C-alpha atoms as a PDB file:
ATOM      1  CA  UNK A   1      -8.241  35.435  23.717  1.00  0.00           C
ATOM      2  CA  UNK A   2      -6.377  32.809  25.546  1.00  0.00           C
ATOM      3  CA  UNK A   3      -6.489  29.002  24.683  1.00  0.00           C
ATOM      4  CA  UNK A   4      -9.088  27.309  27.627  1.00  0.00           C
ATOM      5  CA  UNK A   5      -6.228  24.539  27.176  1.00  0.00           C
ATOM      6  CA  UNK A   6      -3.029  26.979  28.158  1.00  0.00           C
ATOM      7  CA  UNK A   7      -5.149  28.072  30.775  1.00  0.00           C
ATOM      8  CA  UNK A   8      -6.406  25.043  32.221  1.00  0.00           C
ATOM      9  CA  UNK A   9      -2.232  23.795  32.224  1.00  0.00           C
ATOM     10  CA  UNK A  10      -1.547  26.791  34.280  1.00  0.00           C
ATOM     11  CA  UNK A  11      -4.320  26.415  36.306  1.00  0.00           C
ATOM     12  CA  UNK A  12      -2.999  22.636  37.259  1.00  0.00           C
ATOM     13  CA  UNK A  13       0.864  23.830  37.488  1.00  0.00           C
ATOM     14  CA  UNK A  14      -0.324  26.551  39.836  1.00  0.00           C
ATOM     15  CA  UNK A  15      -2.553  24.343  42.067  1.00  0.00           C
ATOM     16  CA  UNK A  16       0.881  21.733  42.536  1.00  0.00           C
ATOM     17  CA  UNK A  17       3.170  25.189  43.163  1.00  0.00           C
ATOM     18  CA  UNK A  18       0.785  26.803  46.069  1.00  0.00           C
ATOM     19  CA  UNK A  19       0.992  29.867  43.652  1.00  0.00           C
ATOM     20  CA  UNK A  20      -2.790  30.892  44.506  1.00  0.00           C
ATOM     21  CA  UNK A  21      -2.441  34.670  42.715  1.00  0.00           C
ATOM     22  CA  UNK A  22      -1.612  32.663  39.495  1.00  0.00           C
ATOM     23  CA  UNK A  23      -3.848  29.130  40.642  1.00  0.00           C
ATOM     24  CA  UNK A  24      -6.898  32.920  41.092  1.00  0.00           C
ATOM     25  CA  UNK A  25      -5.660  34.176  37.919  1.00  0.00           C
ATOM     26  CA  UNK A  26      -6.881  31.308  35.651  1.00  0.00           C
ATOM     27  CA  UNK A  27     -10.553  31.849  36.856  1.00  0.00           C
ATOM     28  CA  UNK A  28     -13.528  33.884  36.080  1.00  0.00           C
ATOM     29  CA  UNK A  29     -14.681  36.503  38.786  1.00  0.00           C
ATOM     30  CA  UNK A  30     -18.125  33.580  39.282  1.00  0.00           C
ATOM     31  CA  UNK A  31     -16.563  30.820  38.517  1.00  0.00           C
ATOM     32  CA  UNK A  32     -18.729  27.263  39.594  1.00  0.00           C
ATOM     33  CA  UNK A  33     -17.412  24.375  41.183  1.00  0.00           C
ATOM     34  CA  UNK A  34     -19.279  20.898  41.417  1.00  0.00           C
ATOM     35  CA  UNK A  35     -19.015  17.988  43.278  1.00  0.00           C
ATOM     36  CA  UNK A  36     -21.714  15.758  41.588  1.00  0.00           C
ATOM     37  CA  UNK A  37     -20.812  13.112  43.788  1.00  0.00           C
ATOM     38  CA  UNK A  38     -21.333  14.948  47.406  1.00  0.00           C
ATOM     39  CA  UNK A  39     -23.988  17.551  45.752  1.00  0.00           C
ATOM     40  CA  UNK A  40     -21.345  20.381  46.802  1.00  0.00           C
ATOM     41  CA  UNK A  41     -21.220  23.467  45.005  1.00  0.00           C
ATOM     42  CA  UNK A  42     -18.829  26.594  45.310  1.00  0.00           C
ATOM     43  CA  UNK A  43     -19.950  29.650  43.540  1.00  0.00           C
ATOM     44  CA  UNK A  44     -16.543  33.070  43.289  1.00  0.00           C
ATOM     45  CA  UNK A  45     -13.122  33.165  42.423  1.00  0.00           C
ATOM     46  CA  UNK A  46     -12.047  33.780  45.859  1.00  0.00           C
ATOM     47  CA  UNK A  47     -13.882  31.053  47.617  1.00  0.00           C
ATOM     48  CA  UNK A  48     -12.997  28.253  45.017  1.00  0.00           C
ATOM     49  CA  UNK A  49      -9.391  29.665  45.928  1.00  0.00           C
ATOM     50  CA  UNK A  50      -9.402  29.319  49.607  1.00  0.00           C
ATOM     51  CA  UNK A  51     -11.355  25.823  49.040  1.00  0.00           C
ATOM     52  CA  UNK A  52      -8.139  24.792  47.316  1.00  0.00           C
ATOM     53  CA  UNK A  53      -5.580  26.815  49.846  1.00  0.00           C
ATOM     54  CA  UNK A  54      -7.079  25.408  52.650  1.00  0.00           C
ATOM     55  CA  UNK A  55      -7.087  21.321  51.658  1.00  0.00           C
ATOM     56  CA  UNK A  56      -5.511  19.558  54.174  1.00  0.00           C
ATOM     57  CA  UNK A  57      -2.607  17.330  54.032  1.00  0.00           C
ATOM     58  CA  UNK A  58       0.619  17.696  51.943  1.00  0.00           C
ATOM     59  CA  UNK A  59      -0.958  17.049  48.246  1.00  0.00           C
ATOM     60  CA  UNK A  60       0.412  16.855  45.373  1.00  0.00           C
ATOM     61  CA  UNK A  61      -0.972  16.024  41.502  1.00  0.00           C
ATOM     62  CA  UNK A  62       0.494  15.273  37.722  1.00  0.00           C
ATOM     63  CA  UNK A  63      -1.645  15.095  34.992  1.00  0.00           C
ATOM     64  CA  UNK A  64      -2.301  12.177  33.283  1.00  0.00           C
ATOM     65  CA  UNK A  65      -4.130  13.367  29.967  1.00  0.00           C
ATOM     66  CA  UNK A  66      -6.087  16.204  28.252  1.00  0.00           C
ATOM     67  CA  UNK A  67      -8.366  16.715  25.743  1.00  0.00           C
ATOM     68  CA  UNK A  68      -9.394  19.897  24.270  1.00  0.00           C
ATOM     69  CA  UNK A  69     -11.709  22.145  22.370  1.00  0.00           C
ATOM     70  CA  UNK A  70     -11.940  25.160  22.108  1.00  0.00           C
ATOM     71  CA  UNK A  71     -14.310  26.067  25.195  1.00  0.00           C
ATOM     72  CA  UNK A  72     -14.022  23.166  26.657  1.00  0.00           C
ATOM     73  CA  UNK A  73     -11.595  21.036  28.567  1.00  0.00           C
ATOM     74  CA  UNK A  74     -11.026  17.671  29.932  1.00  0.00           C
ATOM     75  CA  UNK A  75      -8.410  16.761  32.578  1.00  0.00           C
ATOM     76  CA  UNK A  76      -7.420  12.762  33.794  1.00  0.00           C
ATOM     77  CA  UNK A  77      -5.403  13.533  36.939  1.00  0.00           C
ATOM     78  CA  UNK A  78      -3.474  11.877  39.855  1.00  0.00           C
ATOM     79  CA  UNK A  79      -3.736  13.152  42.858  1.00  0.00           C
ATOM     80  CA  UNK A  80      -1.321  11.650  46.066  1.00  0.00           C
ATOM     81  CA  UNK A  81      -1.825  12.373  49.539  1.00  0.00           C
ATOM     82  CA  UNK A  82       0.672  11.040  51.296  1.00  0.00           C
ATOM     83  CA  UNK A  83       0.589   6.697  50.024  1.00  0.00           C
ATOM     84  CA  UNK A  84      -2.962   7.200  48.849  1.00  0.00           C
ATOM     85  CA  UNK A  85      -2.976   7.652  45.174  1.00  0.00           C
ATOM     86  CA  UNK A  86      -6.363   9.039  43.638  1.00  0.00           C
ATOM     87  CA  UNK A  87      -7.625   9.652  40.329  1.00  0.00           C
ATOM     88  CA  UNK A  88      -9.659  12.792  39.366  1.00  0.00           C
ATOM     89  CA  UNK A  89     -11.315  13.723  36.182  1.00  0.00           C
ATOM     90  CA  UNK A  90     -12.413  16.970  35.680  1.00  0.00           C
ATOM     91  CA  UNK A  91     -14.346  19.412  33.174  1.00  0.00           C
ATOM     92  CA  UNK A  92     -13.538  22.252  32.524  1.00  0.00           C
ATOM     93  CA  UNK A  93     -15.306  24.961  30.605  1.00  0.00           C
ATOM     94  CA  UNK A  94     -14.335  29.037  29.249  1.00  0.00           C
ATOM     95  CA  UNK A  95     -15.996  32.193  30.088  1.00  0.00           C
ATOM     96  CA  UNK A  96     -15.586  33.392  26.154  1.00  0.00           C
ATOM     97  CA  UNK A  97     -12.073  35.671  27.691  1.00  0.00           C
ATOM     98  CA  UNK A  98      -9.468  32.124  27.617  1.00  0.00           C
ATOM     99  CA  UNK A  99     -10.319  31.734  32.228  1.00  0.00           C
ATOM    100  CA  UNK A 100     -12.308  28.871  33.815  1.00  0.00           C
ATOM    101  CA  UNK A 101     -16.304  29.654  34.497  1.00  0.00           C
ATOM    102  CA  UNK A 102     -17.168  26.013  35.813  1.00  0.00           C
ATOM    103  CA  UNK A 103     -15.112  22.803  36.667  1.00  0.00           C
ATOM    104  CA  UNK A 104     -16.768  19.771  37.629  1.00  0.00           C
ATOM    105  CA  UNK A 105     -15.053  16.850  39.505  1.00  0.00           C
ATOM    106  CA  UNK A 106     -15.162  13.281  39.880  1.00  0.00           C
ATOM    107  CA  UNK A 107     -13.243  11.388  42.090  1.00  0.00           C
ATOM    108  CA  UNK A 108     -14.090   7.766  41.340  1.00  0.00           C
ATOM    109  CA  UNK A 109     -13.368   4.865  43.730  1.00  0.00           C
ATOM    110  CA  UNK A 110     -11.404   1.828  42.533  1.00  0.00           C
ATOM    111  CA  UNK A 111     -13.233  -1.437  42.888  1.00  0.00           C
ATOM    112  CA  UNK A 112     -12.697  -5.077  41.987  1.00  0.00           C
ATOM    113  CA  UNK A 113     -14.663  -5.713  38.976  1.00  0.00           C
ATOM    114  CA  UNK A 114     -17.203  -8.422  38.753  1.00  0.00           C
ATOM    115  CA  UNK A 115     -16.289 -12.622  38.906  1.00  0.00           C
ATOM    116  CA  UNK A 116     -16.728 -14.238  34.636  1.00  0.00           C
ATOM    117  CA  UNK A 117     -14.594 -12.207  32.839  1.00  0.00           C
ATOM    118  CA  UNK A 118     -11.354 -13.195  34.233  1.00  0.00           C
ATOM    119  CA  UNK A 119     -10.515 -14.670  30.748  1.00  0.00           C
ATOM    120  CA  UNK A 120     -10.431 -11.794  28.912  1.00  0.00           C
ATOM    121  CA  UNK A 121      -8.691  -9.347  31.310  1.00  0.00           C
ATOM    122  CA  UNK A 122      -5.725  -9.103  32.201  1.00  0.00           C
ATOM    123  CA  UNK A 123      -4.878  -7.286  35.785  1.00  0.00           C
ATOM    124  CA  UNK A 124      -2.361  -4.465  36.463  1.00  0.00           C
END
């Protein structure tokens, strides 16, 4: 059995390298990918690999943080497309054999904070 954290690290490295064969090897045959914000879901390894392979533009990613338990992993990535940078938070579960069974992605949008707390915070 492969450690899920290791599998997820390979998943992101393969995506960045556009190594779709290695990327596919990290996934269970019946992987389910969910995007709650857009209410979309993709089922199956072949469709999920194709979704990533066909993503438009010259994008890149880097891992900011990984939090791992034996059968669950959460990653925070920085995803760039041209000059635009986004944060992605991804939740992974294992199929029991070390492959990824589910991926749930959240792509939070930055926003300006509400007024009234300027005396408590430092902006960066």
